[in-house]
Amino acid sequence: MDASDTARRALLATLSDLHTIAAWCCHDVGAVARSPYHFGRAVELATDAGDAYRAAYA
Protein backbone atom coordinates (compact mmCIF):
# COMPACT_ATOMS: atom_id res chain seq x y z
CA MET A 1 0.00 0.00 0.00
CA ASP A 2 1.56 3.30 -1.06
CA ALA A 3 0.92 6.81 0.22
CA SER A 4 -1.71 7.60 -2.40
CA ASP A 5 -3.67 4.48 -1.49
CA THR A 6 -3.44 5.36 2.20
CA ALA A 7 -4.68 8.88 1.48
CA ARG A 8 -7.52 7.54 -0.69
CA ARG A 9 -8.67 5.19 2.07
CA ALA A 10 -8.51 7.97 4.65
CA LEU A 11 -10.59 10.28 2.46
CA LEU A 12 -13.17 7.58 1.78
CA ALA A 13 -13.42 6.84 5.50
CA THR A 14 -13.88 10.54 6.28
CA LEU A 15 -16.59 10.85 3.65
CA SER A 16 -18.29 7.81 5.15
CA ASP A 17 -18.28 9.50 8.56
CA LEU A 18 -19.75 12.68 7.08
CA HIS A 19 -22.55 10.74 5.40
CA THR A 20 -23.30 8.97 8.68
CA ILE A 21 -23.56 12.33 10.43
CA ALA A 22 -25.74 13.69 7.62
CA ALA A 23 -28.04 10.67 7.92
CA TRP A 24 -28.52 11.21 11.64
CA CYS A 25 -29.06 14.95 11.12
CA CYS A 26 -31.76 14.19 8.54
CA HIS A 27 -33.37 11.80 10.99
CA ASP A 28 -33.21 14.31 13.84
CA VAL A 29 -34.85 17.14 11.89
CA GLY A 30 -37.59 14.93 10.51
CA ALA A 31 -36.26 14.51 6.98
CA VAL A 32 -36.36 10.75 7.38
CA ALA A 33 -36.86 10.17 3.65
CA ARG A 34 -33.27 11.40 3.02
CA SER A 35 -31.52 9.46 5.78
CA PRO A 36 -31.45 6.06 3.96
CA TYR A 37 -29.55 7.67 1.09
CA HIS A 38 -26.85 8.96 3.43
CA PHE A 39 -26.66 5.71 5.39
CA GLY A 40 -26.30 3.79 2.11
CA ARG A 41 -23.54 6.06 0.86
CA ALA A 42 -21.76 5.77 4.21
CA VAL A 43 -21.73 1.98 3.91
CA GLU A 44 -20.54 2.10 0.29
CA LEU A 45 -17.72 4.52 1.07
CA ALA A 46 -16.60 2.59 4.15
CA THR A 47 -16.59 -0.62 2.12
CA ASP A 48 -14.53 1.06 -0.61
CA ALA A 49 -12.11 2.22 2.09
CA GLY A 50 -11.80 -1.35 3.33
CA ASP A 51 -13.11 -0.36 6.76
CA ALA A 52 -15.51 -3.00 8.03
CA TYR A 53 -15.97 -1.19 11.36
CA ARG A 54 -17.22 1.99 9.68
CA ALA A 55 -19.46 -0.01 7.35
CA ALA A 56 -21.05 -1.74 10.35
CA TYR A 57 -21.36 1.53 12.28
CA ALA A 58 -23.11 3.26 9.39
PDB file of N, CA and C in Angstrom:
ATOM      1  N   MET A   1       0.854  -1.169   0.000  1.00  0.00           N
ATOM      2  CA  MET A   1       0.000   0.000   0.000  1.00  0.00           C
ATOM      3  C   MET A   1       0.904   1.237   0.000  1.00  0.00           C
ATOM      4  N   ASP A   2       0.742   2.092  -0.995  1.00  0.00           N
ATOM      5  CA  ASP A   2       1.558   3.296  -1.062  1.00  0.00           C
ATOM      6  C   ASP A   2       0.825   4.480  -0.435  1.00  0.00           C
ATOM      7  N   ALA A   3       1.478   5.626  -0.436  1.00  0.00           N
ATOM      8  CA  ALA A   3       0.917   6.811   0.223  1.00  0.00           C
ATOM      9  C   ALA A   3      -0.389   7.256  -0.419  1.00  0.00           C
ATOM     10  N   SER A   4      -0.479   7.161  -1.738  1.00  0.00           N
ATOM     11  CA  SER A   4      -1.708   7.605  -2.398  1.00  0.00           C
ATOM     12  C   SER A   4      -2.878   6.691  -2.045  1.00  0.00           C
ATOM     13  N   ASP A   5      -2.617   5.402  -1.884  1.00  0.00           N
ATOM     14  CA  ASP A   5      -3.672   4.476  -1.485  1.00  0.00           C
ATOM     15  C   ASP A   5      -4.096   4.734  -0.044  1.00  0.00           C
ATOM     16  N   THR A   6      -3.135   5.039   0.804  1.00  0.00           N
ATOM     17  CA  THR A   6      -3.438   5.357   2.196  1.00  0.00           C
ATOM     18  C   THR A   6      -4.278   6.620   2.277  1.00  0.00           C
ATOM     19  N   ALA A   7      -3.921   7.629   1.499  1.00  0.00           N
ATOM     20  CA  ALA A   7      -4.683   8.882   1.483  1.00  0.00           C
ATOM     21  C   ALA A   7      -6.090   8.646   0.939  1.00  0.00           C
ATOM     22  N   ARG A   8      -6.206   7.838  -0.101  1.00  0.00           N
ATOM     23  CA  ARG A   8      -7.516   7.535  -0.689  1.00  0.00           C
ATOM     24  C   ARG A   8      -8.418   6.866   0.339  1.00  0.00           C
ATOM     25  N   ARG A   9      -7.881   5.889   1.053  1.00  0.00           N
ATOM     26  CA  ARG A   9      -8.672   5.187   2.067  1.00  0.00           C
ATOM     27  C   ARG A   9      -9.087   6.125   3.194  1.00  0.00           C
ATOM     28  N   ALA A  10      -8.189   7.009   3.591  1.00  0.00           N
ATOM     29  CA  ALA A  10      -8.510   7.969   4.651  1.00  0.00           C
ATOM     30  C   ALA A  10      -9.612   8.925   4.210  1.00  0.00           C
ATOM     31  N   LEU A  11      -9.548   9.385   2.970  1.00  0.00           N
ATOM     32  CA  LEU A  11     -10.588  10.279   2.456  1.00  0.00           C
ATOM     33  C   LEU A  11     -11.933   9.567   2.351  1.00  0.00           C
ATOM     34  N   LEU A  12     -11.928   8.341   1.869  1.00  0.00           N
ATOM     35  CA  LEU A  12     -13.175   7.581   1.778  1.00  0.00           C
ATOM     36  C   LEU A  12     -13.775   7.347   3.160  1.00  0.00           C
ATOM     37  N   ALA A  13     -12.934   7.050   4.137  1.00  0.00           N
ATOM     38  CA  ALA A  13     -13.416   6.838   5.504  1.00  0.00           C
ATOM     39  C   ALA A  13     -14.011   8.121   6.072  1.00  0.00           C
ATOM     40  N   THR A  14     -13.367   9.249   5.807  1.00  0.00           N
ATOM     41  CA  THR A  14     -13.879  10.535   6.285  1.00  0.00           C
ATOM     42  C   THR A  14     -15.210  10.866   5.629  1.00  0.00           C
ATOM     43  N   LEU A  15     -15.318  10.628   4.338  1.00  0.00           N
ATOM     44  CA  LEU A  15     -16.595  10.852   3.650  1.00  0.00           C
ATOM     45  C   LEU A  15     -17.684   9.944   4.210  1.00  0.00           C
ATOM     46  N   SER A  16     -17.325   8.729   4.541  1.00  0.00           N
ATOM     47  CA  SER A  16     -18.285   7.814   5.153  1.00  0.00           C
ATOM     48  C   SER A  16     -18.796   8.383   6.472  1.00  0.00           C
ATOM     49  N   ASP A  17     -17.878   8.892   7.289  1.00  0.00           N
ATOM     50  CA  ASP A  17     -18.276   9.501   8.563  1.00  0.00           C
ATOM     51  C   ASP A  17     -19.214  10.684   8.345  1.00  0.00           C
ATOM     52  N   LEU A  18     -18.902  11.513   7.357  1.00  0.00           N
ATOM     53  CA  LEU A  18     -19.750  12.677   7.083  1.00  0.00           C
ATOM     54  C   LEU A  18     -21.145  12.262   6.628  1.00  0.00           C
ATOM     55  N   HIS A  19     -21.232  11.224   5.823  1.00  0.00           N
ATOM     56  CA  HIS A  19     -22.547  10.741   5.396  1.00  0.00           C
ATOM     57  C   HIS A  19     -23.319  10.144   6.571  1.00  0.00           C
ATOM     58  N   THR A  20     -22.631   9.494   7.483  1.00  0.00           N
ATOM     59  CA  THR A  20     -23.298   8.967   8.676  1.00  0.00           C
ATOM     60  C   THR A  20     -23.866  10.111   9.505  1.00  0.00           C
ATOM     61  N   ILE A  21     -23.081  11.162   9.684  1.00  0.00           N
ATOM     62  CA  ILE A  21     -23.562  12.334  10.426  1.00  0.00           C
ATOM     63  C   ILE A  21     -24.743  12.969   9.706  1.00  0.00           C
ATOM     64  N   ALA A  22     -24.644  13.101   8.391  1.00  0.00           N
ATOM     65  CA  ALA A  22     -25.745  13.686   7.618  1.00  0.00           C
ATOM     66  C   ALA A  22     -27.015  12.858   7.759  1.00  0.00           C
ATOM     67  N   ALA A  23     -26.872  11.544   7.768  1.00  0.00           N
ATOM     68  CA  ALA A  23     -28.043  10.671   7.916  1.00  0.00           C
ATOM     69  C   ALA A  23     -28.718  10.901   9.255  1.00  0.00           C
ATOM     70  N   TRP A  24     -27.926  10.981  10.317  1.00  0.00           N
ATOM     71  CA  TRP A  24     -28.515  11.211  11.637  1.00  0.00           C
ATOM     72  C   TRP A  24     -29.114  12.607  11.744  1.00  0.00           C
ATOM     73  N   CYS A  25     -28.492  13.591  11.124  1.00  0.00           N
ATOM     74  CA  CYS A  25     -29.060  14.947  11.117  1.00  0.00           C
ATOM     75  C   CYS A  25     -30.407  14.961  10.400  1.00  0.00           C
ATOM     76  N   CYS A  26     -30.486  14.284   9.265  1.00  0.00           N
ATOM     77  CA  CYS A  26     -31.763  14.186   8.544  1.00  0.00           C
ATOM     78  C   CYS A  26     -32.820  13.545   9.430  1.00  0.00           C
ATOM     79  N   HIS A  27     -32.439  12.491  10.102  1.00  0.00           N
ATOM     80  CA  HIS A  27     -33.372  11.796  10.991  1.00  0.00           C
ATOM     81  C   HIS A  27     -33.831  12.722  12.109  1.00  0.00           C
ATOM     82  N   ASP A  28     -32.894  13.450  12.705  1.00  0.00           N
ATOM     83  CA  ASP A  28     -33.212  14.315  13.842  1.00  0.00           C
ATOM     84  C   ASP A  28     -34.133  15.474  13.483  1.00  0.00           C
ATOM     85  N   VAL A  29     -34.010  16.006  12.268  1.00  0.00           N
ATOM     86  CA  VAL A  29     -34.848  17.144  11.886  1.00  0.00           C
ATOM     87  C   VAL A  29     -36.135  16.715  11.192  1.00  0.00           C
ATOM     88  N   GLY A  30     -36.349  15.421  11.084  1.00  0.00           N
ATOM     89  CA  GLY A  30     -37.592  14.925  10.510  1.00  0.00           C
ATOM     90  C   GLY A  30     -37.551  14.668   9.018  1.00  0.00           C
ATOM     91  N   ALA A  31     -36.389  14.787   8.409  1.00  0.00           N
ATOM     92  CA  ALA A  31     -36.256  14.512   6.978  1.00  0.00           C
ATOM     93  C   ALA A  31     -35.866  13.046   6.796  1.00  0.00           C
ATOM     94  N   VAL A  32     -36.701  12.172   7.341  1.00  0.00           N
ATOM     95  CA  VAL A  32     -36.363  10.746   7.375  1.00  0.00           C
ATOM     96  C   VAL A  32     -36.301  10.112   5.990  1.00  0.00           C
ATOM     97  N   ALA A  33     -36.911  10.725   5.005  1.00  0.00           N
ATOM     98  CA  ALA A  33     -36.855  10.174   3.649  1.00  0.00           C
ATOM     99  C   ALA A  33     -35.446  10.276   3.060  1.00  0.00           C
ATOM    100  N   ARG A  34     -34.632  11.212   3.535  1.00  0.00           N
ATOM    101  CA  ARG A  34     -33.271  11.397   3.019  1.00  0.00           C
ATOM    102  C   ARG A  34     -32.236  10.566   3.766  1.00  0.00           C
ATOM    103  N   SER A  35     -32.541  10.154   4.986  1.00  0.00           N
ATOM    104  CA  SER A  35     -31.524   9.459   5.779  1.00  0.00           C
ATOM    105  C   SER A  35     -31.075   8.125   5.179  1.00  0.00           C
ATOM    106  N   PRO A  36     -31.946   7.319   4.562  1.00  0.00           N
ATOM    107  CA  PRO A  36     -31.448   6.064   3.965  1.00  0.00           C
ATOM    108  C   PRO A  36     -30.398   6.289   2.872  1.00  0.00           C
ATOM    109  N   TYR A  37     -30.552   7.368   2.114  1.00  0.00           N
ATOM    110  CA  TYR A  37     -29.546   7.675   1.088  1.00  0.00           C
ATOM    111  C   TYR A  37     -28.175   7.862   1.736  1.00  0.00           C
ATOM    112  N   HIS A  38     -28.133   8.675   2.777  1.00  0.00           N
ATOM    113  CA  HIS A  38     -26.853   8.963   3.428  1.00  0.00           C
ATOM    114  C   HIS A  38     -26.288   7.730   4.132  1.00  0.00           C
ATOM    115  N   PHE A  39     -27.146   6.942   4.773  1.00  0.00           N
ATOM    116  CA  PHE A  39     -26.661   5.707   5.393  1.00  0.00           C
ATOM    117  C   PHE A  39     -26.093   4.760   4.332  1.00  0.00           C
ATOM    118  N   GLY A  40     -26.774   4.659   3.203  1.00  0.00           N
ATOM    119  CA  GLY A  40     -26.302   3.794   2.114  1.00  0.00           C
ATOM    120  C   GLY A  40     -24.959   4.237   1.562  1.00  0.00           C
ATOM    121  N   ARG A  41     -24.822   5.537   1.353  1.00  0.00           N
ATOM    122  CA  ARG A  41     -23.542   6.063   0.857  1.00  0.00           C
ATOM    123  C   ARG A  41     -22.431   5.838   1.872  1.00  0.00           C
ATOM    124  N   ALA A  42     -22.762   5.987   3.161  1.00  0.00           N
ATOM    125  CA  ALA A  42     -21.761   5.770   4.209  1.00  0.00           C
ATOM    126  C   ALA A  42     -21.241   4.335   4.165  1.00  0.00           C
ATOM    127  N   VAL A  43     -22.141   3.388   3.984  1.00  0.00           N
ATOM    128  CA  VAL A  43     -21.733   1.979   3.910  1.00  0.00           C
ATOM    129  C   VAL A  43     -20.876   1.739   2.667  1.00  0.00           C
ATOM    130  N   GLU A  44     -21.300   2.277   1.532  1.00  0.00           N
ATOM    131  CA  GLU A  44     -20.536   2.102   0.290  1.00  0.00           C
ATOM    132  C   GLU A  44     -19.127   2.674   0.416  1.00  0.00           C
ATOM    133  N   LEU A  45     -19.024   3.877   0.952  1.00  0.00           N
ATOM    134  CA  LEU A  45     -17.722   4.525   1.074  1.00  0.00           C
ATOM    135  C   LEU A  45     -16.819   3.792   2.061  1.00  0.00           C
ATOM    136  N   ALA A  46     -17.392   3.343   3.168  1.00  0.00           N
ATOM    137  CA  ALA A  46     -16.598   2.589   4.146  1.00  0.00           C
ATOM    138  C   ALA A  46     -16.115   1.270   3.552  1.00  0.00           C
ATOM    139  N   THR A  47     -16.971   0.630   2.779  1.00  0.00           N
ATOM    140  CA  THR A  47     -16.586  -0.618   2.120  1.00  0.00           C
ATOM    141  C   THR A  47     -15.465  -0.364   1.116  1.00  0.00           C
ATOM    142  N   ASP A  48     -15.589   0.703   0.344  1.00  0.00           N
ATOM    143  CA  ASP A  48     -14.532   1.064  -0.609  1.00  0.00           C
ATOM    144  C   ASP A  48     -13.215   1.375   0.100  1.00  0.00           C
ATOM    145  N   ALA A  49     -13.312   1.907   1.311  1.00  0.00           N
ATOM    146  CA  ALA A  49     -12.112   2.216   2.091  1.00  0.00           C
ATOM    147  C   ALA A  49     -11.524   0.973   2.742  1.00  0.00           C
ATOM    148  N   GLY A  50     -12.261  -0.127   2.698  1.00  0.00           N
ATOM    149  CA  GLY A  50     -11.797  -1.355   3.332  1.00  0.00           C
ATOM    150  C   GLY A  50     -11.948  -1.322   4.839  1.00  0.00           C
ATOM    151  N   ASP A  51     -12.918  -0.548   5.321  1.00  0.00           N
ATOM    152  CA  ASP A  51     -13.108  -0.356   6.760  1.00  0.00           C
ATOM    153  C   ASP A  51     -14.418  -1.014   7.198  1.00  0.00           C
ATOM    154  N   ALA A  52     -14.320  -2.246   7.631  1.00  0.00           N
ATOM    155  CA  ALA A  52     -15.512  -3.001   8.032  1.00  0.00           C
ATOM    156  C   ALA A  52     -16.179  -2.392   9.260  1.00  0.00           C
ATOM    157  N   TYR A  53     -15.397  -1.817  10.169  1.00  0.00           N
ATOM    158  CA  TYR A  53     -15.969  -1.189  11.361  1.00  0.00           C
ATOM    159  C   TYR A  53     -16.882  -0.034  10.978  1.00  0.00           C
ATOM    160  N   ARG A  54     -16.397   0.846  10.095  1.00  0.00           N
ATOM    161  CA  ARG A  54     -17.223   1.987   9.684  1.00  0.00           C
ATOM    162  C   ARG A  54     -18.460   1.520   8.922  1.00  0.00           C
ATOM    163  N   ALA A  55     -18.312   0.510   8.101  1.00  0.00           N
ATOM    164  CA  ALA A  55     -19.458  -0.008   7.354  1.00  0.00           C
ATOM    165  C   ALA A  55     -20.518  -0.535   8.309  1.00  0.00           C
ATOM    166  N   ALA A  56     -20.094  -1.216   9.368  1.00  0.00           N
ATOM    167  CA  ALA A  56     -21.050  -1.736  10.349  1.00  0.00           C
ATOM    168  C   ALA A  56     -21.663  -0.611  11.166  1.00  0.00           C
ATOM    169  N   TYR A  57     -20.877   0.399  11.488  1.00  0.00           N
ATOM    170  CA  TYR A  57     -21.360   1.530  12.281  1.00  0.00           C
ATOM    171  C   TYR A  57     -22.395   2.333  11.514  1.00  0.00           C
ATOM    172  N   ALA A  58     -22.180   2.483  10.208  1.00  0.00           N
ATOM    173  CA  ALA A  58     -23.109   3.261   9.391  1.00  0.00           C
ATOM    174  C   ALA A  58     -24.408   2.511   9.266  1.00  0.00           C
TER     175      ALA A  58
END
